[in-house]
Amino acid sequence: MSSFMSNLTLHDLTMIVAGVGVFGVLLIVVGVLGVRRSRAARRGSITP
């Protein structure tokens, strides 16, 4: 029984790296949007 890693091709590895990259960019976008919403809400609650 051969392992999963020994059957990977260069194309498979490229797709895995690209998928992880896209997931990372998605997390960054969600984080930036969350920070902006948090700051806007805090700014709105301080103003009388």
PDB file of N, CA and C in Angstrom:
ATOM      1  N   MET A   1       0.858  -1.185   0.000  1.00  0.00           N
ATOM      2  CA  MET A   1       0.000   0.000   0.000  1.00  0.00           C
ATOM      3  C   MET A   1       0.901   1.244   0.000  1.00  0.00           C
ATOM      4  N   SER A   2       0.810   2.048  -1.038  1.00  0.00           N
ATOM      5  CA  SER A   2       1.637   3.246  -1.127  1.00  0.00           C
ATOM      6  C   SER A   2       0.944   4.415  -0.437  1.00  0.00           C
ATOM      7  N   SER A   3       1.731   5.344   0.022  1.00  0.00           N
ATOM      8  CA  SER A   3       1.166   6.478   0.749  1.00  0.00           C
ATOM      9  C   SER A   3       0.598   7.510  -0.223  1.00  0.00           C
ATOM     10  N   PHE A   4      -0.232   8.350   0.306  1.00  0.00           N
ATOM     11  CA  PHE A   4      -0.859   9.405  -0.494  1.00  0.00           C
ATOM     12  C   PHE A   4       0.192  10.385  -1.010  1.00  0.00           C
ATOM     13  N   MET A   5       1.187  10.686  -0.186  1.00  0.00           N
ATOM     14  CA  MET A   5       2.199  11.666  -0.558  1.00  0.00           C
ATOM     15  C   MET A   5       3.058  11.203  -1.732  1.00  0.00           C
ATOM     16  N   SER A   6       3.279   9.920  -1.853  1.00  0.00           N
ATOM     17  CA  SER A   6       4.130   9.430  -2.936  1.00  0.00           C
ATOM     18  C   SER A   6       3.411   9.474  -4.281  1.00  0.00           C
ATOM     19  N   ASN A   7       2.108   9.613  -4.276  1.00  0.00           N
ATOM     20  CA  ASN A   7       1.332   9.659  -5.524  1.00  0.00           C
ATOM     21  C   ASN A   7       1.068  11.071  -6.020  1.00  0.00           C
ATOM     22  N   LEU A   8       1.528  12.092  -5.306  1.00  0.00           N
ATOM     23  CA  LEU A   8       1.275  13.473  -5.700  1.00  0.00           C
ATOM     24  C   LEU A   8       2.152  13.872  -6.890  1.00  0.00           C
ATOM     25  N   THR A   9       1.544  14.566  -7.821  1.00  0.00           N
ATOM     26  CA  THR A   9       2.292  15.090  -8.959  1.00  0.00           C
ATOM     27  C   THR A   9       2.583  16.568  -8.713  1.00  0.00           C
ATOM     28  N   LEU A  10       3.385  17.153  -9.577  1.00  0.00           N
ATOM     29  CA  LEU A  10       3.692  18.579  -9.463  1.00  0.00           C
ATOM     30  C   LEU A  10       2.417  19.412  -9.593  1.00  0.00           C
ATOM     31  N   HIS A  11       1.524  19.008 -10.470  1.00  0.00           N
ATOM     32  CA  HIS A  11       0.253  19.723 -10.641  1.00  0.00           C
ATOM     33  C   HIS A  11      -0.585  19.648  -9.361  1.00  0.00           C
ATOM     34  N   ASP A  12      -0.619  18.480  -8.720  1.00  0.00           N
ATOM     35  CA  ASP A  12      -1.363  18.335  -7.466  1.00  0.00           C
ATOM     36  C   ASP A  12      -0.802  19.252  -6.386  1.00  0.00           C
ATOM     37  N   LEU A  13       0.530  19.285  -6.271  1.00  0.00           N
ATOM     38  CA  LEU A  13       1.148  20.150  -5.266  1.00  0.00           C
ATOM     39  C   LEU A  13       0.865  21.623  -5.547  1.00  0.00           C
ATOM     40  N   THR A  14       0.892  21.994  -6.828  1.00  0.00           N
ATOM     41  CA  THR A  14       0.594  23.374  -7.200  1.00  0.00           C
ATOM     42  C   THR A  14      -0.838  23.746  -6.823  1.00  0.00           C
ATOM     43  N   MET A  15      -1.765  22.834  -7.061  1.00  0.00           N
ATOM     44  CA  MET A  15      -3.169  23.094  -6.712  1.00  0.00           C
ATOM     45  C   MET A  15      -3.353  23.201  -5.193  1.00  0.00           C
ATOM     46  N   ILE A  16      -2.638  22.387  -4.432  1.00  0.00           N
ATOM     47  CA  ILE A  16      -2.737  22.459  -2.970  1.00  0.00           C
ATOM     48  C   ILE A  16      -2.198  23.797  -2.465  1.00  0.00           C
ATOM     49  N   VAL A  17      -1.046  24.204  -2.983  1.00  0.00           N
ATOM     50  CA  VAL A  17      -0.457  25.481  -2.570  1.00  0.00           C
ATOM     51  C   VAL A  17      -1.369  26.648  -2.968  1.00  0.00           C
ATOM     52  N   ALA A  18      -1.941  26.584  -4.155  1.00  0.00           N
ATOM     53  CA  ALA A  18      -2.856  27.639  -4.600  1.00  0.00           C
ATOM     54  C   ALA A  18      -4.100  27.681  -3.713  1.00  0.00           C
ATOM     55  N   GLY A  19      -4.624  26.527  -3.348  1.00  0.00           N
ATOM     56  CA  GLY A  19      -5.795  26.474  -2.474  1.00  0.00           C
ATOM     57  C   GLY A  19      -5.516  27.067  -1.109  1.00  0.00           C
ATOM     58  N   VAL A  20      -4.350  26.751  -0.553  1.00  0.00           N
ATOM     59  CA  VAL A  20      -3.978  27.320   0.745  1.00  0.00           C
ATOM     60  C   VAL A  20      -3.806  28.833   0.630  1.00  0.00           C
ATOM     61  N   GLY A  21      -3.254  29.289  -0.487  1.00  0.00           N
ATOM     62  CA  GLY A  21      -3.091  30.726  -0.710  1.00  0.00           C
ATOM     63  C   GLY A  21      -4.421  31.448  -0.797  1.00  0.00           C
ATOM     64  N   VAL A  22      -5.355  30.873  -1.521  1.00  0.00           N
ATOM     65  CA  VAL A  22      -6.689  31.481  -1.645  1.00  0.00           C
ATOM     66  C   VAL A  22      -7.375  31.512  -0.288  1.00  0.00           C
ATOM     67  N   PHE A  23      -7.242  30.444   0.483  1.00  0.00           N
ATOM     68  CA  PHE A  23      -7.830  30.404   1.818  1.00  0.00           C
ATOM     69  C   PHE A  23      -7.202  31.480   2.710  1.00  0.00           C
ATOM     70  N   GLY A  24      -5.903  31.685   2.607  1.00  0.00           N
ATOM     71  CA  GLY A  24      -5.223  32.717   3.383  1.00  0.00           C
ATOM     72  C   GLY A  24      -5.694  34.112   3.026  1.00  0.00           C
ATOM     73  N   VAL A  25      -5.849  34.372   1.739  1.00  0.00           N
ATOM     74  CA  VAL A  25      -6.342  35.684   1.299  1.00  0.00           C
ATOM     75  C   VAL A  25      -7.763  35.906   1.796  1.00  0.00           C
ATOM     76  N   LEU A  26      -8.580  34.866   1.775  1.00  0.00           N
ATOM     77  CA  LEU A  26      -9.950  34.971   2.281  1.00  0.00           C
ATOM     78  C   LEU A  26      -9.947  35.315   3.767  1.00  0.00           C
ATOM     79  N   LEU A  27      -9.071  34.680   4.540  1.00  0.00           N
ATOM     80  CA  LEU A  27      -8.988  34.993   5.971  1.00  0.00           C
ATOM     81  C   LEU A  27      -8.541  36.430   6.213  1.00  0.00           C
ATOM     82  N   ILE A  28      -7.606  36.913   5.411  1.00  0.00           N
ATOM     83  CA  ILE A  28      -7.147  38.295   5.544  1.00  0.00           C
ATOM     84  C   ILE A  28      -8.281  39.271   5.252  1.00  0.00           C
ATOM     85  N   VAL A  29      -9.040  39.026   4.195  1.00  0.00           N
ATOM     86  CA  VAL A  29     -10.160  39.905   3.837  1.00  0.00           C
ATOM     87  C   VAL A  29     -11.202  39.924   4.948  1.00  0.00           C
ATOM     88  N   VAL A  30     -11.534  38.763   5.490  1.00  0.00           N
ATOM     89  CA  VAL A  30     -12.514  38.700   6.580  1.00  0.00           C
ATOM     90  C   VAL A  30     -11.989  39.458   7.805  1.00  0.00           C
ATOM     91  N   GLY A  31     -10.712  39.328   8.102  1.00  0.00           N
ATOM     92  CA  GLY A  31     -10.130  40.037   9.237  1.00  0.00           C
ATOM     93  C   GLY A  31     -10.153  41.543   9.060  1.00  0.00           C
ATOM     94  N   VAL A  32      -9.793  42.013   7.873  1.00  0.00           N
ATOM     95  CA  VAL A  32      -9.800  43.457   7.607  1.00  0.00           C
ATOM     96  C   VAL A  32     -11.219  44.004   7.696  1.00  0.00           C
ATOM     97  N   LEU A  33     -12.166  43.297   7.125  1.00  0.00           N
ATOM     98  CA  LEU A  33     -13.559  43.753   7.208  1.00  0.00           C
ATOM     99  C   LEU A  33     -14.052  43.773   8.651  1.00  0.00           C
ATOM    100  N   GLY A  34     -13.662  42.786   9.446  1.00  0.00           N
ATOM    101  CA  GLY A  34     -14.060  42.757  10.855  1.00  0.00           C
ATOM    102  C   GLY A  34     -13.478  43.923  11.636  1.00  0.00           C
ATOM    103  N   VAL A  35     -12.212  44.233  11.394  1.00  0.00           N
ATOM    104  CA  VAL A  35     -11.581  45.364  12.088  1.00  0.00           C
ATOM    105  C   VAL A  35     -12.248  46.669  11.683  1.00  0.00           C
ATOM    106  N   ARG A  36     -12.525  46.829  10.397  1.00  0.00           N
ATOM    107  CA  ARG A  36     -13.167  48.072   9.943  1.00  0.00           C
ATOM    108  C   ARG A  36     -14.556  48.229  10.543  1.00  0.00           C
ATOM    109  N   ARG A  37     -15.324  47.137  10.601  1.00  0.00           N
ATOM    110  CA  ARG A  37     -16.665  47.215  11.202  1.00  0.00           C
ATOM    111  C   ARG A  37     -16.582  47.532  12.687  1.00  0.00           C
ATOM    112  N   SER A  38     -15.613  46.937  13.370  1.00  0.00           N
ATOM    113  CA  SER A  38     -15.448  47.179  14.798  1.00  0.00           C
ATOM    114  C   SER A  38     -15.083  48.633  15.071  1.00  0.00           C
ATOM    115  N   ARG A  39     -14.163  49.166  14.292  1.00  0.00           N
ATOM    116  CA  ARG A  39     -13.764  50.567  14.478  1.00  0.00           C
ATOM    117  C   ARG A  39     -14.907  51.516  14.146  1.00  0.00           C
ATOM    118  N   ALA A  40     -15.671  51.212  13.116  1.00  0.00           N
ATOM    119  CA  ALA A  40     -16.800  52.067  12.752  1.00  0.00           C
ATOM    120  C   ALA A  40     -17.874  52.038  13.838  1.00  0.00           C
ATOM    121  N   ALA A  41     -18.112  50.871  14.413  1.00  0.00           N
ATOM    122  CA  ALA A  41     -19.119  50.773  15.477  1.00  0.00           C
ATOM    123  C   ALA A  41     -18.671  51.519  16.722  1.00  0.00           C
ATOM    124  N   ARG A  42     -17.378  51.408  17.051  1.00  0.00           N
ATOM    125  CA  ARG A  42     -16.864  52.113  18.221  1.00  0.00           C
ATOM    126  C   ARG A  42     -16.914  53.614  18.001  1.00  0.00           C
ATOM    127  N   ARG A  43     -16.560  54.055  16.795  1.00  0.00           N
ATOM    128  CA  ARG A  43     -16.589  55.484  16.465  1.00  0.00           C
ATOM    129  C   ARG A  43     -18.026  56.011  16.547  1.00  0.00           C
ATOM    130  N   GLY A  44     -18.986  55.230  16.109  1.00  0.00           N
ATOM    131  CA  GLY A  44     -20.378  55.646  16.140  1.00  0.00           C
ATOM    132  C   GLY A  44     -20.959  55.720  17.534  1.00  0.00           C
ATOM    133  N   SER A  45     -20.464  54.872  18.445  1.00  0.00           N
ATOM    134  CA  SER A  45     -21.017  54.876  19.805  1.00  0.00           C
ATOM    135  C   SER A  45     -20.415  55.969  20.671  1.00  0.00           C
ATOM    136  N   ILE A  46     -19.240  56.484  20.318  1.00  0.00           N
ATOM    137  CA  ILE A  46     -18.609  57.548  21.128  1.00  0.00           C
ATOM    138  C   ILE A  46     -19.249  58.899  20.845  1.00  0.00           C
ATOM    139  N   THR A  47     -19.634  59.136  19.614  1.00  0.00           N
ATOM    140  CA  THR A  47     -20.242  60.424  19.231  1.00  0.00           C
ATOM    141  C   THR A  47     -21.609  60.562  19.871  1.00  0.00           C
ATOM    142  N   PRO A  48     -21.861  61.657  20.601  1.00  0.00           N
ATOM    143  CA  PRO A  48     -23.178  61.848  21.252  1.00  0.00           C
ATOM    144  C   PRO A  48     -24.285  62.167  20.272  1.00  0.00           C
TER     145      PRO A  48
END
